[in-house]
């Protein structure tokens, strides 16, 4: 009788866990945090290629914008901007202020693609890029996405990044990155050294 009772309990436990597994078999989308815009946001033009004169390691950035239910959002304006290989932003009148900045509108899949160069670094910050999501002149999200240390350490050995070497600040010591609760979703994923991807979730 005891063996039968144990068998019944085991089968009940298995059935319960199978049910929970099925119930939990769905996508979960966690929204990114609003983060500091920084002093270098400027209105930009609609374009997919961001570097005109700036040189560096060529990369492609693919962003997919989803709602909290993981559904793609079409027709949103996605603006991005970042510094050049030596850590400088184009801001003065003497520079091309459109360099390394631009926007696109999301397609039916909620996606945009930008071609640019890998940003360099500047003191006190880990390598990152800025993103602003706008709908009908209303800002829905201003945030930052970060590059993984293993990637930047490798690519910063190349010209012109090798003039400065590795970043003086990594993710562990970057104050803005450390203010993020769910840090993983603020990292750009890359299977190669050229394509960087992220899903941006709007609450």
N, C-alpha and C. Protein backbone atom coordinates (compact mmCIF):
# COMPACT_ATOMS: atom_id res chain seq x y z
N UNK A 1 0.83 -1.20 0.00
CA UNK A 1 0.00 0.00 0.00
C UNK A 1 0.87 1.27 0.00
N UNK A 2 1.96 1.18 0.78
CA UNK A 2 2.86 2.34 0.86
C UNK A 2 3.47 2.66 -0.50
N UNK A 3 3.88 1.61 -1.24
CA UNK A 3 4.45 1.82 -2.57
C UNK A 3 3.44 2.45 -3.50
N UNK A 4 2.17 2.00 -3.38
CA UNK A 4 1.11 2.55 -4.24
C UNK A 4 0.89 4.02 -3.91
N UNK A 5 0.90 4.35 -2.60
CA UNK A 5 0.70 5.74 -2.17
C UNK A 5 1.81 6.64 -2.69
N UNK A 6 3.06 6.16 -2.59
CA UNK A 6 4.20 6.94 -3.09
C UNK A 6 4.10 7.16 -4.59
N UNK A 7 3.66 6.11 -5.32
CA UNK A 7 3.51 6.21 -6.77
C UNK A 7 2.46 7.25 -7.12
N UNK A 8 1.34 7.26 -6.40
CA UNK A 8 0.26 8.22 -6.67
C UNK A 8 0.74 9.64 -6.43
N UNK A 9 1.48 9.83 -5.30
CA UNK A 9 2.00 11.16 -4.98
C UNK A 9 2.98 11.63 -6.05
N UNK A 10 3.84 10.70 -6.52
CA UNK A 10 4.83 11.04 -7.54
C UNK A 10 4.16 11.44 -8.84
N UNK A 11 3.12 10.70 -9.24
CA UNK A 11 2.39 11.02 -10.47
C UNK A 11 1.68 12.36 -10.35
N UNK A 12 1.14 12.63 -9.17
CA UNK A 12 0.45 13.91 -8.96
C UNK A 12 1.44 15.06 -9.05
N UNK A 13 2.64 14.88 -8.46
CA UNK A 13 3.69 15.90 -8.50
C UNK A 13 4.13 16.17 -9.93
N UNK A 14 4.30 15.09 -10.70
CA UNK A 14 4.70 15.20 -12.10
C UNK A 14 3.66 15.93 -12.91
N UNK A 15 2.40 15.60 -12.69
CA UNK A 15 1.31 16.24 -13.43
C UNK A 15 1.24 17.73 -13.11
N UNK A 16 1.40 18.07 -11.83
CA UNK A 16 1.35 19.47 -11.42
C UNK A 16 2.47 20.28 -12.06
N UNK A 17 3.68 19.72 -12.06
CA UNK A 17 4.82 20.43 -12.63
C UNK A 17 4.73 20.54 -14.14
N UNK A 18 4.14 19.52 -14.79
CA UNK A 18 3.92 19.59 -16.23
C UNK A 18 2.95 20.71 -16.56
N UNK A 19 1.90 20.84 -15.75
CA UNK A 19 0.92 21.89 -15.96
C UNK A 19 1.55 23.26 -15.78
N UNK A 20 2.37 23.41 -14.73
CA UNK A 20 3.05 24.68 -14.48
C UNK A 20 4.00 25.03 -15.61
N UNK A 21 4.69 24.02 -16.12
CA UNK A 21 5.63 24.25 -17.22
C UNK A 21 4.91 24.75 -18.45
N UNK A 22 3.73 24.13 -18.73
CA UNK A 22 2.96 24.56 -19.89
C UNK A 22 2.43 25.96 -19.68
N UNK A 23 1.97 26.24 -18.45
CA UNK A 23 1.42 27.56 -18.16
C UNK A 23 2.49 28.63 -18.27
N UNK A 24 3.74 28.26 -17.94
CA UNK A 24 4.82 29.23 -17.98
C UNK A 24 5.52 29.31 -19.31
N UNK A 25 5.03 28.60 -20.30
CA UNK A 25 5.67 28.55 -21.60
C UNK A 25 5.20 29.71 -22.48
N UNK A 26 5.60 30.95 -22.11
CA UNK A 26 5.26 32.12 -22.90
C UNK A 26 6.40 33.12 -22.80
N UNK A 27 6.41 34.06 -23.74
CA UNK A 27 7.47 35.06 -23.74
C UNK A 27 7.20 36.11 -22.66
N UNK A 28 8.25 36.58 -22.06
CA UNK A 28 8.14 37.66 -21.09
C UNK A 28 9.01 38.81 -21.58
N UNK A 29 8.41 39.99 -21.69
CA UNK A 29 9.13 41.16 -22.16
C UNK A 29 9.25 42.16 -21.02
N UNK A 30 10.49 42.47 -20.66
CA UNK A 30 10.75 43.41 -19.58
C UNK A 30 11.19 44.75 -20.18
N UNK A 31 10.56 45.84 -19.78
CA UNK A 31 10.89 47.14 -20.38
C UNK A 31 12.24 47.68 -19.92
N UNK A 32 12.91 48.39 -20.83
CA UNK A 32 14.14 49.08 -20.48
C UNK A 32 13.83 50.31 -19.62
N UNK A 33 14.81 50.73 -18.84
CA UNK A 33 14.66 51.92 -18.01
C UNK A 33 14.94 53.18 -18.83
N UNK A 34 14.29 54.27 -18.42
CA UNK A 34 14.71 55.57 -18.89
C UNK A 34 16.06 55.89 -18.24
N UNK A 35 17.00 56.33 -19.07
CA UNK A 35 18.33 56.68 -18.57
C UNK A 35 18.71 58.07 -19.08
N UNK A 36 19.75 58.63 -18.52
CA UNK A 36 20.16 59.99 -18.84
C UNK A 36 20.34 60.20 -20.34
N UNK A 37 19.76 61.29 -20.84
CA UNK A 37 19.91 61.63 -22.25
C UNK A 37 21.32 62.07 -22.55
N UNK A 38 21.94 62.76 -21.60
CA UNK A 38 23.26 63.32 -21.83
C UNK A 38 23.16 64.65 -22.55
N UNK A 39 24.27 65.35 -22.69
CA UNK A 39 24.24 66.71 -23.25
C UNK A 39 24.32 66.78 -24.77
N UNK A 40 24.38 65.63 -25.45
CA UNK A 40 24.73 65.67 -26.87
C UNK A 40 23.61 65.27 -27.82
N UNK A 41 22.37 65.23 -27.34
CA UNK A 41 21.27 64.93 -28.27
C UNK A 41 21.01 66.15 -29.16
N UNK A 42 20.90 65.89 -30.46
CA UNK A 42 20.57 66.93 -31.43
C UNK A 42 19.58 66.36 -32.43
N UNK A 43 18.67 67.17 -32.96
CA UNK A 43 17.80 66.69 -34.04
C UNK A 43 18.66 66.18 -35.19
N UNK A 44 18.22 65.09 -35.81
CA UNK A 44 19.03 64.48 -36.87
C UNK A 44 18.16 64.13 -38.06
N UNK A 45 18.80 63.70 -39.12
CA UNK A 45 18.08 63.37 -40.35
C UNK A 45 17.74 61.88 -40.39
N UNK A 46 16.79 61.53 -41.25
CA UNK A 46 16.39 60.14 -41.40
C UNK A 46 17.38 59.44 -42.33
N UNK A 47 18.09 58.49 -41.81
CA UNK A 47 19.07 57.76 -42.62
C UNK A 47 19.50 56.49 -41.90
N UNK A 48 20.01 55.54 -42.65
CA UNK A 48 20.44 54.28 -42.07
C UNK A 48 21.96 54.24 -41.88
N UNK A 49 22.71 55.00 -42.68
CA UNK A 49 24.17 55.04 -42.54
C UNK A 49 24.54 56.29 -41.75
N UNK A 50 25.18 56.09 -40.60
CA UNK A 50 25.42 57.21 -39.70
C UNK A 50 26.80 57.82 -39.85
N UNK A 51 27.79 57.05 -40.27
CA UNK A 51 29.14 57.61 -40.40
C UNK A 51 29.40 58.04 -41.84
N UNK A 52 29.76 59.31 -41.98
CA UNK A 52 30.05 59.86 -43.30
C UNK A 52 31.57 59.99 -43.47
N UNK A 53 32.19 60.67 -42.53
CA UNK A 53 33.64 60.84 -42.59
C UNK A 53 34.37 60.07 -41.49
N UNK A 54 33.68 59.81 -40.41
CA UNK A 54 34.33 59.15 -39.28
C UNK A 54 34.75 57.73 -39.64
N UNK A 55 35.94 57.35 -39.22
CA UNK A 55 36.44 56.01 -39.50
C UNK A 55 36.45 55.18 -38.21
N UNK A 56 36.35 53.87 -38.40
CA UNK A 56 36.35 52.95 -37.28
C UNK A 56 35.87 51.59 -37.74
N UNK A 57 35.69 50.69 -36.81
CA UNK A 57 35.22 49.35 -37.14
C UNK A 57 33.75 49.40 -37.52
N UNK A 58 33.44 48.99 -38.74
CA UNK A 58 32.05 49.05 -39.23
C UNK A 58 31.16 48.04 -38.52
N UNK A 59 30.01 48.51 -38.05
CA UNK A 59 29.05 47.63 -37.41
C UNK A 59 27.64 47.95 -37.91
N UNK A 60 26.75 47.00 -37.68
CA UNK A 60 25.33 47.19 -37.95
C UNK A 60 24.58 47.04 -36.63
N UNK A 61 23.65 47.93 -36.38
CA UNK A 61 22.85 47.88 -35.17
C UNK A 61 21.40 47.63 -35.55
N UNK A 62 20.85 46.53 -35.08
CA UNK A 62 19.45 46.19 -35.33
C UNK A 62 18.68 46.28 -34.02
N UNK A 63 17.68 47.15 -33.99
CA UNK A 63 16.83 47.32 -32.82
C UNK A 63 15.41 46.91 -33.17
N UNK A 64 14.78 46.15 -32.30
CA UNK A 64 13.39 45.75 -32.49
C UNK A 64 12.59 46.27 -31.31
N UNK A 65 11.55 47.05 -31.61
CA UNK A 65 10.76 47.72 -30.58
C UNK A 65 9.46 46.94 -30.37
N UNK A 66 9.23 46.53 -29.14
CA UNK A 66 8.06 45.73 -28.79
C UNK A 66 7.30 46.38 -27.64
N UNK A 67 6.00 46.02 -27.53
CA UNK A 67 5.25 46.46 -26.35
C UNK A 67 5.41 45.44 -25.23
N UNK A 68 4.76 45.67 -24.13
CA UNK A 68 4.93 44.83 -22.95
C UNK A 68 4.42 43.40 -23.19
N UNK A 69 3.59 43.24 -24.24
CA UNK A 69 3.08 41.92 -24.60
C UNK A 69 3.90 41.26 -25.70
N UNK A 70 5.07 41.82 -25.95
CA UNK A 70 6.02 41.29 -26.95
C UNK A 70 5.52 41.42 -28.38
N UNK A 71 4.65 42.39 -28.63
CA UNK A 71 4.15 42.62 -29.99
C UNK A 71 4.93 43.77 -30.63
N UNK A 72 5.32 43.63 -31.90
CA UNK A 72 6.10 44.68 -32.56
C UNK A 72 5.31 45.97 -32.72
N UNK A 73 6.02 47.08 -32.63
CA UNK A 73 5.41 48.41 -32.76
C UNK A 73 5.91 49.08 -34.03
N UNK A 74 4.99 49.34 -34.94
CA UNK A 74 5.31 49.93 -36.23
C UNK A 74 5.17 51.44 -36.20
N UNK A 75 6.03 52.13 -36.98
CA UNK A 75 5.87 53.56 -37.20
C UNK A 75 6.41 54.46 -36.12
N UNK A 76 7.24 53.94 -35.21
CA UNK A 76 7.86 54.78 -34.19
C UNK A 76 9.19 55.34 -34.70
N UNK A 77 9.50 56.54 -34.32
CA UNK A 77 10.75 57.18 -34.69
C UNK A 77 11.83 56.77 -33.70
N UNK A 78 12.90 56.14 -34.20
CA UNK A 78 14.00 55.68 -33.36
C UNK A 78 15.24 56.49 -33.70
N UNK A 79 15.66 57.34 -32.77
CA UNK A 79 16.87 58.15 -32.97
C UNK A 79 18.00 57.56 -32.15
N UNK A 80 19.18 57.45 -32.75
CA UNK A 80 20.35 56.99 -31.99
C UNK A 80 21.51 57.95 -32.24
N UNK A 81 22.40 58.03 -31.27
CA UNK A 81 23.61 58.84 -31.43
C UNK A 81 24.69 58.27 -30.52
N UNK A 82 25.94 58.47 -30.92
CA UNK A 82 27.05 57.96 -30.13
C UNK A 82 28.32 58.70 -30.49
N UNK A 83 29.38 58.44 -29.74
CA UNK A 83 30.65 59.12 -29.98
C UNK A 83 31.47 58.41 -31.06
N UNK A 84 32.57 59.04 -31.45
CA UNK A 84 33.41 58.45 -32.50
C UNK A 84 34.47 57.52 -31.88
N UNK A 85 35.37 57.04 -32.70
CA UNK A 85 36.35 56.05 -32.25
C UNK A 85 37.27 56.60 -31.16
N UNK A 86 37.40 57.92 -31.09
CA UNK A 86 38.28 58.53 -30.08
C UNK A 86 37.49 59.08 -28.89
N UNK A 87 36.20 58.78 -28.85
CA UNK A 87 35.39 59.15 -27.70
C UNK A 87 34.75 60.52 -27.76
N UNK A 88 34.74 61.16 -28.93
CA UNK A 88 34.19 62.51 -29.06
C UNK A 88 32.84 62.50 -29.78
N UNK A 89 31.94 63.36 -29.32
CA UNK A 89 30.66 63.56 -30.00
C UNK A 89 30.78 64.74 -30.96
N UNK A 90 30.05 64.68 -32.07
CA UNK A 90 30.04 65.80 -33.01
C UNK A 90 28.99 66.80 -32.54
N UNK A 91 29.45 67.94 -32.07
CA UNK A 91 28.51 68.90 -31.47
C UNK A 91 28.73 70.34 -31.91
N UNK A 92 29.95 70.72 -32.28
CA UNK A 92 30.23 72.12 -32.55
C UNK A 92 29.84 72.51 -33.97
N UNK A 93 29.75 73.80 -34.20
CA UNK A 93 29.36 74.31 -35.52
C UNK A 93 30.39 73.96 -36.59
N UNK A 94 31.61 73.78 -36.17
CA UNK A 94 32.66 73.47 -37.12
C UNK A 94 32.67 72.02 -37.56
N UNK A 95 31.85 71.18 -36.92
CA UNK A 95 31.81 69.76 -37.25
C UNK A 95 30.51 69.44 -37.98
N UNK A 96 30.46 68.27 -38.59
CA UNK A 96 29.22 67.82 -39.21
C UNK A 96 28.33 67.29 -38.08
N UNK A 97 27.35 68.08 -37.67
CA UNK A 97 26.58 67.70 -36.49
C UNK A 97 25.69 66.50 -36.73
N UNK A 98 25.55 66.10 -38.01
CA UNK A 98 24.74 64.92 -38.30
C UNK A 98 25.57 63.64 -38.22
N UNK A 99 26.88 63.79 -38.07
CA UNK A 99 27.76 62.62 -38.05
C UNK A 99 27.49 61.76 -36.81
N UNK A 100 27.35 60.44 -37.04
CA UNK A 100 27.13 59.46 -35.97
C UNK A 100 25.82 59.69 -35.21
N UNK A 101 24.84 60.18 -35.93
CA UNK A 101 23.50 60.32 -35.36
C UNK A 101 22.48 60.28 -36.50
N UNK A 102 21.30 59.80 -36.20
CA UNK A 102 20.26 59.71 -37.22
C UNK A 102 19.04 59.00 -36.66
N UNK A 103 17.98 58.93 -37.47
CA UNK A 103 16.79 58.22 -37.04
C UNK A 103 16.17 57.44 -38.18
N UNK A 104 15.39 56.45 -37.81
CA UNK A 104 14.56 55.68 -38.74
C UNK A 104 13.23 55.39 -38.08
N UNK A 105 12.25 55.02 -38.91
CA UNK A 105 10.94 54.61 -38.39
C UNK A 105 10.83 53.10 -38.44
N UNK A 106 10.26 52.52 -37.40
CA UNK A 106 10.16 51.07 -37.31
C UNK A 106 9.25 50.51 -38.40
N UNK A 107 9.63 49.34 -38.93
CA UNK A 107 8.84 48.68 -39.96
C UNK A 107 7.74 47.81 -39.34
N UNK A 108 7.12 46.99 -40.12
CA UNK A 108 6.01 46.16 -39.66
C UNK A 108 6.45 45.19 -38.56
N UNK A 109 7.72 44.88 -38.54
CA UNK A 109 8.26 43.98 -37.51
C UNK A 109 8.78 44.73 -36.29
N UNK A 110 8.59 46.05 -36.28
CA UNK A 110 9.08 46.86 -35.18
C UNK A 110 10.58 47.10 -35.22
N UNK A 111 11.21 46.89 -36.38
CA UNK A 111 12.67 46.91 -36.46
C UNK A 111 13.23 48.11 -37.22
N UNK A 112 14.44 48.49 -36.85
CA UNK A 112 15.24 49.47 -37.60
C UNK A 112 16.67 48.94 -37.65
N UNK A 113 17.39 49.32 -38.71
CA UNK A 113 18.79 48.92 -38.87
C UNK A 113 19.64 50.15 -39.17
N UNK A 114 20.72 50.28 -38.44
CA UNK A 114 21.66 51.37 -38.67
C UNK A 114 23.04 50.81 -38.98
N UNK A 115 23.73 51.44 -39.92
CA UNK A 115 25.13 51.12 -40.19
C UNK A 115 25.98 52.27 -39.69
N UNK A 116 26.99 51.95 -38.90
CA UNK A 116 27.80 52.99 -38.29
C UNK A 116 29.16 52.39 -37.92
N UNK A 117 29.84 53.00 -36.98
CA UNK A 117 31.11 52.45 -36.48
C UNK A 117 30.96 52.16 -34.98
N UNK A 118 31.80 51.28 -34.50
CA UNK A 118 31.81 50.99 -33.08
C UNK A 118 32.23 52.25 -32.31
N UNK A 119 31.41 52.66 -31.34
CA UNK A 119 31.81 53.84 -30.55
C UNK A 119 33.10 53.58 -29.78
N UNK A 120 33.85 54.64 -29.56
CA UNK A 120 34.99 54.56 -28.67
C UNK A 120 34.55 54.77 -27.23
N UNK A 121 35.46 55.24 -26.41
CA UNK A 121 35.11 55.47 -25.01
C UNK A 121 35.64 56.83 -24.57
N UNK A 122 35.06 57.33 -23.50
CA UNK A 122 35.60 58.55 -22.88
C UNK A 122 35.63 58.34 -21.38
N UNK A 123 36.45 59.10 -20.66
CA UNK A 123 36.68 58.84 -19.24
C UNK A 123 35.39 58.79 -18.41
N UNK A 124 35.31 57.76 -17.57
CA UNK A 124 34.19 57.64 -16.64
C UNK A 124 32.99 56.89 -17.16
N UNK A 125 33.00 56.49 -18.44
CA UNK A 125 31.84 55.79 -19.00
C UNK A 125 32.30 54.54 -19.76
N UNK A 126 31.51 53.47 -19.61
CA UNK A 126 31.71 52.27 -20.43
C UNK A 126 31.16 52.53 -21.83
N UNK A 127 31.67 51.85 -22.85
CA UNK A 127 31.19 52.07 -24.23
C UNK A 127 29.68 51.84 -24.34
N UNK A 128 28.99 52.79 -24.99
CA UNK A 128 27.53 52.76 -25.05
C UNK A 128 27.03 53.57 -26.23
N UNK A 129 25.73 53.47 -26.48
CA UNK A 129 25.08 54.36 -27.44
C UNK A 129 23.75 54.82 -26.83
N UNK A 130 23.25 55.92 -27.36
CA UNK A 130 22.01 56.53 -26.86
C UNK A 130 20.86 56.25 -27.81
N UNK A 131 19.68 56.08 -27.23
CA UNK A 131 18.48 55.79 -28.02
C UNK A 131 17.33 56.64 -27.49
N UNK A 132 16.58 57.22 -28.42
CA UNK A 132 15.37 57.96 -28.07
C UNK A 132 14.24 57.46 -28.97
N UNK A 133 13.12 57.09 -28.37
CA UNK A 133 11.97 56.58 -29.12
C UNK A 133 10.85 57.61 -29.03
N UNK A 134 10.37 58.03 -30.21
CA UNK A 134 9.41 59.13 -30.30
C UNK A 134 8.18 58.69 -31.09
N UNK A 135 7.02 59.12 -30.63
CA UNK A 135 5.77 58.88 -31.35
C UNK A 135 5.00 60.19 -31.43
N UNK A 136 4.88 60.73 -32.63
CA UNK A 136 4.13 61.98 -32.84
C UNK A 136 4.65 63.10 -31.94
N UNK A 137 5.96 63.29 -31.97
CA UNK A 137 6.64 64.34 -31.21
C UNK A 137 6.64 64.13 -29.70
N UNK A 138 6.14 62.99 -29.25
CA UNK A 138 6.17 62.67 -27.81
C UNK A 138 7.24 61.61 -27.56
N UNK A 139 8.16 61.90 -26.65
CA UNK A 139 9.21 60.94 -26.31
C UNK A 139 8.65 59.85 -25.41
N UNK A 140 8.77 58.61 -25.88
CA UNK A 140 8.28 57.46 -25.11
C UNK A 140 9.37 56.86 -24.23
N UNK A 141 10.60 56.95 -24.69
CA UNK A 141 11.71 56.36 -23.94
C UNK A 141 13.02 57.02 -24.36
N UNK A 142 13.84 57.36 -23.39
CA UNK A 142 15.22 57.77 -23.63
C UNK A 142 16.10 56.85 -22.81
N UNK A 143 17.00 56.14 -23.47
CA UNK A 143 17.77 55.14 -22.75
C UNK A 143 19.16 54.98 -23.35
N UNK A 144 19.92 54.07 -22.81
CA UNK A 144 21.26 53.76 -23.32
C UNK A 144 21.43 52.25 -23.40
N UNK A 145 22.18 51.81 -24.41
CA UNK A 145 22.52 50.41 -24.56
C UNK A 145 24.03 50.28 -24.51
N UNK A 146 24.50 49.17 -23.97
CA UNK A 146 25.93 49.02 -23.69
C UNK A 146 26.54 47.86 -24.48
N UNK A 147 27.83 48.01 -24.78
CA UNK A 147 28.60 46.98 -25.49
C UNK A 147 29.32 46.11 -24.47
N UNK A 148 29.38 44.82 -24.75
CA UNK A 148 30.04 43.90 -23.83
C UNK A 148 31.55 44.09 -23.86
N UNK A 149 32.15 43.95 -22.70
CA UNK A 149 33.59 44.19 -22.53
C UNK A 149 34.44 43.27 -23.40
N UNK A 150 34.03 42.01 -23.52
CA UNK A 150 34.82 41.07 -24.32
C UNK A 150 34.91 41.51 -25.78
N UNK A 151 33.85 42.11 -26.26
CA UNK A 151 33.82 42.60 -27.65
C UNK A 151 34.69 43.84 -27.82
N UNK A 152 34.48 44.82 -26.96
CA UNK A 152 35.24 46.07 -27.11
C UNK A 152 36.73 45.87 -26.86
N UNK A 153 37.08 45.04 -25.90
CA UNK A 153 38.50 44.80 -25.64
C UNK A 153 39.22 44.24 -26.86
N UNK A 154 38.51 43.39 -27.60
CA UNK A 154 39.09 42.81 -28.82
C UNK A 154 39.18 43.85 -29.93
N UNK A 155 38.10 44.58 -30.17
CA UNK A 155 38.05 45.51 -31.29
C UNK A 155 38.86 46.78 -31.03
N UNK A 156 39.06 47.13 -29.78
CA UNK A 156 39.85 48.32 -29.47
C UNK A 156 41.35 48.12 -29.71
N UNK A 157 41.73 46.91 -30.11
CA UNK A 157 43.11 46.67 -30.49
C UNK A 157 43.38 47.12 -31.92
N UNK A 158 42.28 47.40 -32.65
CA UNK A 158 42.39 47.81 -34.05
C UNK A 158 42.52 49.33 -34.15
N UNK A 159 43.06 49.78 -35.30
CA UNK A 159 43.11 51.21 -35.60
C UNK A 159 41.69 51.71 -35.89
N UNK A 160 41.32 52.91 -35.45
CA UNK A 160 42.09 53.90 -34.70
C UNK A 160 41.91 53.79 -33.18
N UNK A 161 41.16 52.78 -32.73
CA UNK A 161 40.91 52.63 -31.30
C UNK A 161 42.20 52.37 -30.52
N UNK A 162 43.16 51.73 -31.18
CA UNK A 162 44.39 51.35 -30.47
C UNK A 162 45.25 52.56 -30.09
N UNK A 163 44.88 53.74 -30.55
CA UNK A 163 45.57 54.95 -30.10
C UNK A 163 45.34 55.19 -28.62
N UNK A 164 44.19 54.63 -28.12
CA UNK A 164 43.82 54.90 -26.72
C UNK A 164 43.75 53.62 -25.89
N UNK A 165 43.62 52.47 -26.53
CA UNK A 165 43.56 51.21 -25.81
C UNK A 165 42.21 50.94 -25.18
N UNK A 166 42.19 50.11 -24.16
CA UNK A 166 40.95 49.70 -23.51
C UNK A 166 40.29 50.87 -22.79
N UNK A 167 38.98 50.76 -22.63
CA UNK A 167 38.23 51.78 -21.89
C UNK A 167 38.69 51.83 -20.44
N UNK A 168 38.71 53.04 -19.87
CA UNK A 168 39.15 53.17 -18.47
C UNK A 168 38.03 52.83 -17.49
N UNK A 169 36.82 52.63 -18.02
CA UNK A 169 35.66 52.30 -17.18
C UNK A 169 34.94 51.11 -17.80
N UNK A 170 34.68 50.09 -17.00
CA UNK A 170 33.92 48.95 -17.53
C UNK A 170 32.50 48.98 -16.96
N UNK A 171 31.72 47.97 -17.31
CA UNK A 171 30.32 47.95 -16.88
C UNK A 171 30.19 47.94 -15.37
N UNK A 172 31.12 47.30 -14.69
CA UNK A 172 31.02 47.18 -13.23
C UNK A 172 31.24 48.51 -12.52
N UNK A 173 31.93 49.43 -13.19
CA UNK A 173 32.24 50.71 -12.55
C UNK A 173 31.54 51.90 -13.22
N UNK A 174 30.69 51.63 -14.21
CA UNK A 174 29.93 52.69 -14.87
C UNK A 174 28.72 53.03 -13.99
N UNK A 175 28.62 54.28 -13.55
CA UNK A 175 27.56 54.66 -12.61
C UNK A 175 26.16 54.52 -13.21
N UNK A 176 26.01 54.82 -14.51
CA UNK A 176 24.69 54.72 -15.13
C UNK A 176 24.29 53.26 -15.31
N UNK A 177 25.22 52.44 -15.78
CA UNK A 177 24.91 51.02 -15.93
C UNK A 177 24.55 50.40 -14.58
N UNK A 178 25.23 50.81 -13.52
CA UNK A 178 24.97 50.25 -12.21
C UNK A 178 23.67 50.74 -11.59
N UNK A 179 23.06 51.78 -12.17
CA UNK A 179 21.76 52.25 -11.68
C UNK A 179 20.61 51.44 -12.28
N UNK A 180 20.93 50.57 -13.25
CA UNK A 180 19.90 49.77 -13.94
C UNK A 180 19.56 48.54 -13.11
N UNK A 181 18.27 48.29 -12.95
CA UNK A 181 17.83 47.13 -12.18
C UNK A 181 18.03 45.84 -12.97
N UNK A 182 17.54 45.82 -14.22
CA UNK A 182 17.65 44.63 -15.07
C UNK A 182 18.74 44.89 -16.11
N UNK A 183 19.97 44.66 -15.71
CA UNK A 183 21.12 45.06 -16.53
C UNK A 183 21.22 44.29 -17.85
N UNK A 184 20.84 43.03 -17.86
CA UNK A 184 21.01 42.18 -19.03
C UNK A 184 20.31 42.74 -20.26
N UNK A 185 19.13 43.33 -20.07
CA UNK A 185 18.36 43.82 -21.22
C UNK A 185 18.91 45.14 -21.76
N UNK A 186 19.92 45.70 -21.10
CA UNK A 186 20.55 46.91 -21.61
C UNK A 186 21.89 46.61 -22.29
N UNK A 187 22.14 45.33 -22.57
CA UNK A 187 23.34 44.94 -23.29
C UNK A 187 23.01 44.61 -24.74
N UNK A 188 23.84 45.06 -25.65
CA UNK A 188 23.69 44.70 -27.06
C UNK A 188 24.27 43.31 -27.27
N UNK A 189 23.50 42.47 -27.94
CA UNK A 189 23.96 41.10 -28.21
C UNK A 189 24.65 41.05 -29.56
N UNK A 190 25.73 40.30 -29.62
CA UNK A 190 26.42 40.16 -30.91
C UNK A 190 26.98 38.75 -31.06
N UNK A 191 26.55 38.08 -32.13
CA UNK A 191 27.10 36.77 -32.48
C UNK A 191 28.35 36.94 -33.32
N UNK A 192 28.47 38.08 -33.95
CA UNK A 192 29.65 38.41 -34.74
C UNK A 192 30.19 39.74 -34.24
N UNK A 193 31.30 40.17 -34.81
CA UNK A 193 31.87 41.46 -34.42
C UNK A 193 31.28 42.62 -35.21
N UNK A 194 30.32 42.30 -36.07
CA UNK A 194 29.77 43.34 -36.93
C UNK A 194 28.28 43.62 -36.69
N UNK A 195 27.53 42.62 -36.22
CA UNK A 195 26.09 42.79 -36.02
C UNK A 195 25.77 42.81 -34.54
N UNK A 196 25.13 43.90 -34.11
CA UNK A 196 24.72 44.06 -32.72
C UNK A 196 23.20 44.24 -32.69
N UNK A 197 22.54 43.47 -31.82
CA UNK A 197 21.09 43.46 -31.80
C UNK A 197 20.57 43.66 -30.38
N UNK A 198 19.34 44.20 -30.31
CA UNK A 198 18.67 44.34 -29.01
C UNK A 198 17.18 44.48 -29.24
N UNK A 199 16.42 44.00 -28.29
CA UNK A 199 14.98 44.25 -28.24
C UNK A 199 14.73 45.34 -27.21
N UNK A 200 14.03 46.37 -27.63
CA UNK A 200 13.69 47.48 -26.74
C UNK A 200 12.20 47.38 -26.42
N UNK A 201 11.88 47.26 -25.14
CA UNK A 201 10.50 47.05 -24.72
C UNK A 201 9.94 48.34 -24.12
N UNK A 202 8.76 48.73 -24.60
CA UNK A 202 8.08 49.91 -24.08
C UNK A 202 6.99 49.49 -23.11
N UNK A 203 7.01 50.07 -21.92
CA UNK A 203 6.00 49.72 -20.91
C UNK A 203 4.64 50.34 -21.29
